Protein backbone atom coordinates (compact mmCIF):
# COMPACT_ATOMS: atom_id res chain seq x y z
CA MET A 1 0.00 0.00 0.00
CA GLU A 2 2.88 2.39 0.72
CA LYS A 3 3.99 2.13 -2.90
CA LEU A 4 0.48 3.05 -4.10
CA ILE A 5 0.46 6.08 -1.80
CA GLU A 6 3.87 7.11 -3.12
CA LEU A 7 2.68 6.85 -6.74
CA PHE A 8 -0.43 8.87 -5.92
CA ARG A 9 1.53 11.64 -4.16
CA LYS A 10 3.89 11.81 -7.13
CA LYS A 11 0.93 12.37 -9.46
CA MET A 12 -0.22 15.20 -7.23
CA THR A 13 3.09 17.00 -7.65
CA GLY A 14 2.97 16.79 -11.44
CA PRO A 15 1.34 19.36 -13.75
CA LEU A 16 -2.35 19.01 -14.61
CA PRO A 17 -4.40 21.00 -17.14
CA VAL A 18 -6.00 24.08 -15.59
CA PHE A 19 -9.08 23.69 -17.78
CA GLU A 20 -11.86 21.63 -16.18
CA ARG A 21 -14.31 19.54 -18.17
CA GLU A 22 -17.96 20.50 -18.02
CA LEU A 23 -18.75 17.12 -16.44
CA GLU A 24 -16.60 17.91 -13.40
CA ARG A 25 -19.08 20.61 -12.44
CA LYS A 26 -22.08 18.31 -12.86
CA ILE A 27 -20.89 15.36 -10.78
CA ASN A 28 -22.32 15.10 -7.28
CA TRP A 29 -19.00 14.48 -5.58
CA ASN A 30 -20.73 14.13 -2.19
CA ALA A 31 -22.38 10.87 -3.22
CA ARG A 32 -20.97 7.72 -1.63
CA LEU A 33 -20.59 5.82 -4.91
CA ILE A 34 -19.81 7.45 -8.28
CA SER A 35 -18.97 5.89 -11.64
CA VAL A 36 -17.47 7.75 -14.59
CA ARG A 37 -17.54 5.75 -17.81
CA GLY A 38 -16.04 6.76 -21.10
CA SER A 39 -14.02 5.74 -24.11
CA ARG A 40 -10.25 5.49 -23.83
CA GLY A 41 -8.48 8.80 -24.20
CA THR A 42 -11.38 11.06 -23.19
CA GLY A 43 -9.70 12.17 -19.95
CA LYS A 44 -11.25 10.17 -17.08
CA THR A 45 -7.99 9.93 -15.13
CA THR A 46 -7.28 13.65 -15.51
CA LEU A 47 -10.82 14.42 -14.33
CA PHE A 48 -10.23 12.50 -11.10
CA LEU A 49 -6.78 13.94 -10.45
CA GLN A 50 -7.96 17.49 -11.07
CA HIS A 51 -10.82 17.07 -8.61
CA ILE A 52 -8.53 15.56 -5.99
CA LYS A 53 -5.96 18.34 -6.34
CA LYS A 54 -8.65 21.02 -6.12
CA THR A 55 -10.49 19.47 -3.18
CA PHE A 56 -7.88 17.67 -1.07
CA SER A 57 -4.59 19.48 -1.72
CA ASN A 58 -4.34 20.41 1.98
CA ASN A 59 -5.59 17.06 3.27
CA LEU A 60 -4.09 14.30 1.14
CA ASN A 61 -4.16 11.80 4.02
CA LYS A 62 -7.92 11.54 3.55
CA VAL A 63 -7.77 10.57 -0.11
CA LEU A 64 -6.16 7.89 -2.28
CA TYR A 65 -6.11 7.36 -6.04
CA VAL A 66 -5.25 3.91 -7.41
CA ASN A 67 -5.22 2.31 -10.85
CA LEU A 68 -6.41 -1.30 -10.79
CA ASP A 69 -3.97 -2.09 -13.58
CA ASN A 70 -1.17 -1.79 -10.98
CA ILE A 71 0.78 -4.98 -10.25
CA TYR A 72 -0.07 -4.50 -6.55
CA PHE A 73 -3.46 -6.04 -7.27
CA SER A 74 -1.93 -9.26 -8.51
CA ASN A 75 -1.44 -10.31 -4.88
CA ASN A 76 -3.78 -7.94 -3.01
CA THR A 77 -7.50 -7.36 -3.22
CA LEU A 78 -9.33 -4.09 -3.47
CA VAL A 79 -11.16 -4.90 -0.24
CA GLU A 80 -7.85 -5.38 1.60
CA LEU A 81 -6.61 -2.03 0.30
CA ALA A 82 -9.80 -0.25 1.37
CA GLU A 83 -9.66 -1.81 4.83
CA LYS A 84 -6.09 -0.54 5.38
CA PHE A 85 -6.96 2.87 3.95
CA ALA A 86 -10.06 3.27 6.14
CA SER A 87 -8.14 2.16 9.24
CA ARG A 88 -5.78 5.11 8.68
CA GLY A 89 -8.67 7.56 8.57
CA GLY A 90 -9.07 7.64 4.78
CA THR A 91 -12.45 8.84 3.55
CA HIS A 92 -12.27 9.15 -0.25
CA LEU A 93 -11.06 6.36 -2.54
CA PHE A 94 -10.69 7.03 -6.28
CA ILE A 95 -10.34 3.87 -8.38
CA ASP A 96 -9.24 3.97 -12.03
CA GLU A 97 -9.93 1.35 -14.73
CA VAL A 98 -12.08 -1.06 -12.74
CA HIS A 99 -12.72 -3.16 -15.85
CA LYS A 100 -9.16 -4.49 -15.52
CA TYR A 101 -10.01 -6.08 -12.16
CA GLU A 102 -11.84 -9.40 -12.36
CA ASN A 103 -14.26 -9.07 -9.43
CA TRP A 104 -14.66 -5.31 -9.50
CA SER A 105 -18.45 -5.11 -9.15
CA LYS A 106 -18.66 -7.60 -6.28
CA GLU A 107 -15.83 -6.01 -4.32
CA ILE A 108 -17.06 -2.45 -4.83
CA LYS A 109 -20.49 -3.54 -3.58
CA ASN A 110 -18.76 -4.99 -0.50
CA LEU A 111 -16.87 -1.73 0.04
CA TYR A 112 -20.09 0.25 -0.19
CA ASP A 113 -21.87 -2.01 2.28
CA ASP A 114 -19.02 -2.60 4.75
CA PHE A 115 -17.30 0.80 4.85
CA PRO A 116 -20.02 3.47 5.21
CA GLU A 117 -17.35 6.05 6.03
CA LEU A 118 -15.81 5.68 2.55
CA HIS A 119 -16.75 7.73 -0.51
CA ILE A 120 -15.84 5.72 -3.60
CA ALA A 121 -15.49 6.95 -7.18
CA PHE A 122 -14.40 4.68 -10.03
CA THR A 123 -13.78 4.92 -13.76
CA GLY A 124 -14.28 2.32 -16.43
CA SER A 125 -14.57 1.70 -20.12
CA SER A 126 -17.64 2.90 -22.02
CA LEU A 127 -18.32 -0.84 -22.40
CA LEU A 128 -18.67 -1.21 -18.63
CA GLU A 129 -22.08 -2.54 -17.60
CA ILE A 130 -23.02 -1.27 -14.15
CA LEU A 131 -26.39 -2.99 -14.24
CA ASN A 132 -25.27 -6.36 -15.53
CA GLY A 133 -22.15 -6.86 -13.46
CA ARG A 134 -21.90 -9.78 -11.09
CA ALA A 135 -23.18 -7.50 -8.33
CA ASP A 136 -25.93 -5.12 -9.31
CA LEU A 137 -24.58 -1.66 -8.49
CA SER A 138 -27.21 0.29 -10.42
CA ARG A 139 -29.26 1.21 -7.33
CA ARG A 140 -26.19 2.36 -5.41
CA THR A 141 -24.20 4.18 -8.09
CA LEU A 142 -24.48 7.60 -9.68
CA VAL A 143 -23.31 6.93 -13.24
CA TYR A 144 -21.80 9.66 -15.44
CA GLU A 145 -20.52 9.47 -19.02
CA LEU A 146 -17.42 11.38 -20.13
CA THR A 147 -17.36 12.00 -23.87
CA GLY A 148 -14.66 13.62 -25.95
CA LEU A 149 -14.24 17.38 -26.04
CA SER A 150 -16.99 19.53 -27.49
CA PHE A 151 -15.93 22.33 -29.84
CA ARG A 152 -16.61 24.75 -26.95
CA GLU A 153 -14.29 22.79 -24.62
CA TYR A 154 -11.62 22.59 -27.31
CA LEU A 155 -11.73 26.36 -27.75
CA SER A 156 -11.68 26.89 -23.99
CA LEU A 157 -8.57 24.74 -23.77
CA ILE A 158 -6.54 26.37 -26.51
CA LYS A 159 -7.73 29.94 -25.91
CA ALA A 160 -7.83 29.81 -22.08
CA HIS A 161 -11.30 31.34 -22.14
CA ASP A 162 -14.39 29.83 -20.50
CA PHE A 163 -17.01 30.08 -23.24
CA PRO A 164 -20.65 29.68 -22.11
CA ILE A 165 -22.84 26.63 -22.73
CA PHE A 166 -26.11 27.00 -24.63
CA THR A 167 -29.01 24.58 -24.84
CA LEU A 168 -30.23 23.41 -28.23
CA GLU A 169 -33.44 25.37 -27.72
CA GLU A 170 -31.47 28.56 -27.00
CA ILE A 171 -29.39 28.03 -30.14
CA LEU A 172 -32.43 27.46 -32.35
CA LYS A 173 -34.25 30.49 -30.95
CA ASN A 174 -31.37 32.97 -30.57
CA ASN A 175 -28.70 31.73 -32.99
CA GLU A 176 -28.19 35.17 -34.59
CA GLN A 177 -27.41 36.84 -31.28
CA ILE A 178 -25.37 33.96 -29.85
CA SER A 179 -23.23 33.46 -32.96
CA ALA A 180 -22.51 37.20 -33.13
CA GLU A 181 -21.54 37.27 -29.46
CA ILE A 182 -19.10 34.37 -29.80
CA ALA A 183 -17.70 35.61 -33.11
CA SER A 184 -16.88 38.93 -31.46
CA LYS A 185 -14.39 37.04 -29.25
CA ILE A 186 -12.97 34.44 -31.65
CA LYS A 187 -13.15 33.52 -35.32
CA PRO A 188 -14.75 30.03 -35.19
CA PHE A 189 -13.44 28.84 -38.56
CA GLU A 190 -9.89 29.64 -37.55
CA PHE A 191 -10.15 26.60 -35.24
CA PHE A 192 -13.07 24.48 -36.47
CA ASP A 193 -11.20 22.40 -39.05
CA ASP A 194 -8.43 21.59 -36.56
CA TYR A 195 -11.06 20.46 -34.06
CA LEU A 196 -12.68 18.16 -36.62
CA SER A 197 -9.27 16.65 -37.40
CA PHE A 198 -7.60 16.30 -33.99
CA GLY A 199 -9.55 18.11 -31.27
CA TYR A 200 -11.93 15.50 -29.84
CA TYR A 201 -9.48 13.63 -27.59
CA PRO A 202 -7.52 15.79 -25.11
CA TYR A 203 -4.21 14.07 -25.81
CA PHE A 204 -3.63 16.50 -28.68
CA LEU A 205 -2.15 18.60 -25.85
CA GLU A 206 0.76 16.17 -25.77
CA GLY A 207 1.63 16.85 -29.41
CA LYS A 208 -0.27 17.02 -32.68
CA ASP A 209 2.42 15.18 -34.64
CA ASP A 210 1.81 11.99 -32.67
CA TYR A 211 -1.96 12.42 -32.38
CA PHE A 212 -3.06 9.82 -34.92
CA ASN A 213 -0.55 7.25 -33.65
CA ARG A 214 -2.16 7.65 -30.23
CA LEU A 215 -5.64 7.45 -31.73
CA ASN A 216 -4.73 4.27 -33.62
CA GLU A 217 -3.34 2.76 -30.40
CA THR A 218 -6.58 3.69 -28.62
CA LEU A 219 -8.65 2.00 -31.32
CA ASN A 220 -6.53 -1.15 -31.21
CA MET A 221 -6.72 -1.29 -27.41
CA ILE A 222 -10.51 -1.07 -27.51
CA ILE A 223 -10.86 -3.81 -30.12
CA GLU A 224 -8.04 -6.13 -29.01
CA VAL A 225 -8.39 -5.81 -25.22
CA GLU A 226 -11.65 -4.23 -24.08
CA LEU A 227 -14.06 -5.99 -26.45
CA PRO A 228 -12.70 -9.47 -25.60
CA MET A 229 -12.61 -8.60 -21.89
CA LEU A 230 -16.00 -6.90 -21.59
CA ARG A 231 -18.04 -8.38 -24.45
CA GLY A 232 -16.48 -11.80 -24.80
CA LEU A 233 -15.31 -11.19 -28.36
CA GLU A 234 -13.29 -14.20 -29.52
CA ILE A 235 -9.71 -13.31 -30.41
CA ALA A 236 -10.08 -15.03 -33.78
CA TYR A 237 -12.78 -12.53 -34.77
CA ILE A 238 -10.71 -9.40 -34.08
CA PRO A 239 -9.50 -9.08 -37.73
CA ARG A 240 -13.12 -9.25 -38.91
CA ILE A 241 -14.34 -6.54 -36.58
CA LYS A 242 -11.39 -4.37 -37.65
CA LYS A 243 -12.35 -4.96 -41.27
CA LEU A 244 -15.94 -4.04 -40.46
CA LEU A 245 -14.84 -0.78 -38.82
CA ALA A 246 -12.59 0.04 -41.77
CA VAL A 247 -15.46 -0.46 -44.24
CA ILE A 248 -17.65 1.91 -42.21
CA GLY A 249 -14.84 4.41 -41.61
CA GLU A 250 -14.04 4.70 -45.30
CA SER A 251 -17.70 4.95 -46.36
CA ALA A 252 -19.61 6.76 -43.58
CA PRO A 253 -22.29 8.03 -43.64
CA PHE A 254 -22.95 4.40 -44.43
CA ILE A 255 -26.34 3.12 -45.58
CA PRO A 256 -25.90 -0.55 -44.73
CA ASN A 257 -27.08 -3.51 -46.75
CA ILE A 258 -26.73 -5.95 -43.88
CA THR A 259 -26.76 -9.11 -45.98
CA GLN A 260 -24.12 -7.85 -48.41
CA LEU A 261 -21.97 -6.39 -45.64
CA ALA A 262 -22.09 -9.63 -43.65
CA ALA A 263 -20.97 -11.56 -46.73
CA LYS A 264 -18.12 -9.09 -47.35
CA ILE A 265 -16.86 -9.44 -43.78
CA GLY A 266 -17.42 -13.21 -43.75
CA ILE A 267 -19.88 -13.44 -40.84
CA SER A 268 -23.58 -14.13 -40.40
CA ARG A 269 -26.21 -11.38 -40.50
CA GLN A 270 -26.98 -11.83 -36.80
CA THR A 271 -23.30 -11.71 -35.82
CA LEU A 272 -22.85 -8.55 -37.88
CA LEU A 273 -25.64 -6.76 -36.01
CA ILE A 274 -24.12 -7.85 -32.69
CA TYR A 275 -20.71 -6.54 -33.78
CA LEU A 276 -22.24 -3.21 -34.79
CA LYS A 277 -23.73 -2.92 -31.30
CA TYR A 278 -20.30 -3.69 -29.81
CA LEU A 279 -18.71 -0.91 -31.87
CA GLU A 280 -21.44 1.51 -30.84
CA ASP A 281 -21.05 0.63 -27.14
CA ALA A 282 -17.30 1.17 -27.53
CA LYS A 283 -17.97 4.71 -28.85
CA LEU A 284 -16.47 3.98 -32.26
CA ILE A 285 -19.64 4.34 -34.34
CA ASN A 286 -23.13 5.80 -34.04
CA GLN A 287 -26.17 4.07 -35.54
CA LEU A 288 -29.40 5.76 -36.59
CA TYR A 289 -32.75 3.96 -36.52
CA LYS A 290 -36.27 4.89 -37.51
CA LYS A 291 -38.30 6.43 -34.70
CA SER A 292 -40.67 3.45 -34.73
CA ARG A 293 -37.90 0.93 -34.01
CA GLY A 294 -38.51 -1.87 -31.55
CA LEU A 295 -36.38 -2.90 -28.60
CA SER A 296 -34.38 -5.63 -30.31
CA VAL A 297 -30.59 -5.32 -30.30
CA LEU A 298 -30.63 -7.09 -33.67
CA GLU A 299 -32.66 -4.47 -35.52
CA LYS A 300 -31.10 -3.13 -38.71
CA PRO A 301 -29.79 0.46 -38.54
CA GLU A 302 -30.79 2.85 -41.32
CA LYS A 303 -27.51 4.77 -41.28
CA ILE A 304 -24.10 4.35 -39.63
CA LEU A 305 -21.60 7.12 -38.93
CA MET A 306 -18.27 7.19 -37.12
CA GLU A 307 -18.59 8.31 -33.49
CA ASN A 308 -16.49 11.44 -34.06
CA THR A 309 -14.76 13.25 -36.88
CA ASN A 310 -11.24 12.45 -35.65
CA LEU A 311 -11.94 8.78 -36.42
CA ILE A 312 -12.94 9.76 -39.97
CA GLU A 313 -9.59 11.55 -40.29
CA LEU A 314 -7.78 8.45 -39.01
CA PHE A 315 -9.28 6.27 -41.73
CA ASN A 316 -9.32 8.77 -44.60
CA GLY A 317 -6.74 11.47 -43.92
CA GLU A 318 -6.86 14.28 -46.47
CA ASN A 319 -9.46 12.34 -48.47
CA ALA A 320 -12.07 12.65 -45.72
CA ASN A 321 -15.46 13.50 -47.24
CA THR A 322 -16.73 16.96 -46.26
CA GLY A 323 -20.35 15.81 -46.01
CA SER A 324 -19.33 12.90 -43.78
CA ARG A 325 -17.46 15.22 -41.44
CA ARG A 326 -20.40 17.59 -41.21
CA GLU A 327 -22.99 14.93 -40.42
CA THR A 328 -20.69 13.13 -38.00
CA PHE A 329 -19.94 16.31 -36.07
CA VAL A 330 -23.61 17.30 -35.80
CA LEU A 331 -24.72 13.85 -34.64
CA ASN A 332 -21.83 13.54 -32.18
CA GLN A 333 -22.61 16.86 -30.49
CA LEU A 334 -26.37 16.25 -30.42
CA LEU A 335 -26.11 12.78 -28.88
CA HIS A 336 -24.48 14.21 -25.77
CA SER A 337 -27.91 15.15 -24.44
CA HIS A 338 -30.50 14.59 -27.17
CA LYS A 339 -32.25 11.69 -28.87
CA VAL A 340 -31.62 11.51 -32.61
CA ASP A 341 -33.54 9.34 -35.08
CA PHE A 342 -33.18 8.58 -38.76
CA SER A 343 -35.33 10.78 -41.01
CA GLU A 344 -36.67 9.98 -44.46
CA GLU A 345 -37.08 13.69 -45.26
CA SER A 346 -33.78 15.05 -43.91
CA ASP A 347 -30.56 14.11 -42.17
CA PHE A 348 -31.74 13.99 -38.52
CA PHE A 349 -34.95 13.99 -36.50
CA VAL A 350 -34.14 15.30 -33.01
CA ASP A 351 -36.13 14.79 -29.79
CA SER A 352 -39.17 13.74 -31.83
CA LYS A 353 -39.59 17.41 -32.78
CA TYR A 354 -36.82 19.08 -34.76
CA THR A 355 -35.86 18.31 -38.35
CA PHE A 356 -32.25 19.07 -39.32
CA GLU A 357 -30.75 19.14 -42.80
CA VAL A 358 -26.96 19.48 -42.86
CA GLY A 359 -25.04 21.09 -45.71
CA GLY A 360 -22.82 23.88 -46.99
CA LYS A 361 -23.49 27.60 -46.97
CA ASN A 362 -25.62 27.38 -50.13
CA LYS A 363 -27.90 24.63 -48.82
CA LYS A 364 -31.57 25.54 -49.38
CA ARG A 365 -34.61 24.71 -47.23
CA LYS A 366 -36.64 23.55 -50.24
CA GLN A 367 -36.95 19.89 -49.21
CA ILE A 368 -37.88 20.69 -45.59
CA GLN A 369 -39.66 24.06 -45.85
CA GLU A 370 -43.11 22.50 -45.29
CA ILE A 371 -41.94 20.63 -42.17
CA PRO A 372 -42.56 22.38 -38.82
CA ASP A 373 -39.52 23.07 -36.63
CA SER A 374 -37.12 22.40 -39.48
CA TYR A 375 -33.66 23.96 -39.78
CA ILE A 376 -30.61 24.05 -42.02
CA ILE A 377 -27.35 23.32 -40.18
CA ALA A 378 -24.94 25.14 -42.48
CA ASP A 379 -21.18 24.93 -42.78
CA ASP A 380 -19.03 27.89 -43.85
CA ILE A 381 -21.27 30.55 -42.30
CA GLU A 382 -20.09 32.50 -39.28
CA PHE A 383 -23.42 34.03 -38.27
CA GLY A 384 -26.87 32.50 -37.91
CA THR A 385 -29.93 33.85 -39.73
CA ASP A 386 -33.43 32.71 -38.79
CA ARG A 387 -33.59 28.97 -39.53
CA ARG A 388 -30.01 28.68 -40.77
CA ILE A 389 -27.81 27.62 -37.87
CA PRO A 390 -24.00 27.81 -38.15
CA ILE A 391 -22.73 24.24 -37.81
CA TRP A 392 -19.96 25.24 -35.39
CA LEU A 393 -22.54 26.64 -32.95
CA LEU A 394 -23.81 23.13 -32.17
CA GLY A 395 -20.43 22.57 -30.54
CA PHE A 396 -21.42 24.87 -27.66
CA MET A 397 -24.04 22.59 -26.08
CA TYR A 398 -21.67 21.07 -23.49
């Protein structure tokens, strides 16, 4: 345990980004059991360390951060660690990467029940299933999801300015005023293309030249380690799921013919639909369904897009399709707090109310003008006008 404390104290002496994610302000840190899930590279560890440094810098004896990937846990249990920590007067235990610990859900449940003086916060993969673990933690745990950076957060990071958050309703109603206010402080298109290419994952701060190597490593880790560990994917099928992702990445927005795609990958139709769900759970793709869809996991999606535009860049580089980037960005930012369905008449049907058509600055409303609550989400415009919303402005919703 002394070695773990030493490693934790060393982290506390190192530099951390000053900028805080929007989620840090939303988490109820007073709760006894907190879970933060998210894809690799989104900044879960940094989120914890920033909160610890801000809250406990003058009282580090009360807090401990550990990563369950540490070799210490080869011969010691989490329960044993917590017992020692609590006996020394510790009150807040922060646990990183619980999915790498075999009995994580059972032992965390035991900690919650047996150590009422402990506040426990843990991170895990976006594939982590709180409800379906060996011990049902869903009734005990406040679960939060950490996504990649919004365009607003990216700007706040590189410009050291805390830009405000706007709801979708505020943007639709007041887009002219809001866009003018923001554009008076920065020129959005000076930064927007960089964000679409390498601004979603915070590790661009460690160097842009190595960004796509890191992103490729992240993708491989998710497919080769997390999917087998957390979804039981057989190792022999890893090349096929990589091939599937490559087909989508090079074609998205992808209108899937499930039978043909299954034959191309060399798997059954049912297995293909399961794999698509795995990739969606892993935050590598987003699937769109008709509003009337049922509850079956094996229902065919109407359209598939990459989860974020940086993944499009990884697969396509300079050949990335402009329309693909636009649609992927809009869907990615909307899904943070809104429900999005496939639309026959347009690109997206949002919250069972709003119709969005995405395009360039010359995109017309002709095909949606008779539809109530319909809007053009337009690229290459700095200011909003009535029902034409600047695409970059949707990046200010979180």
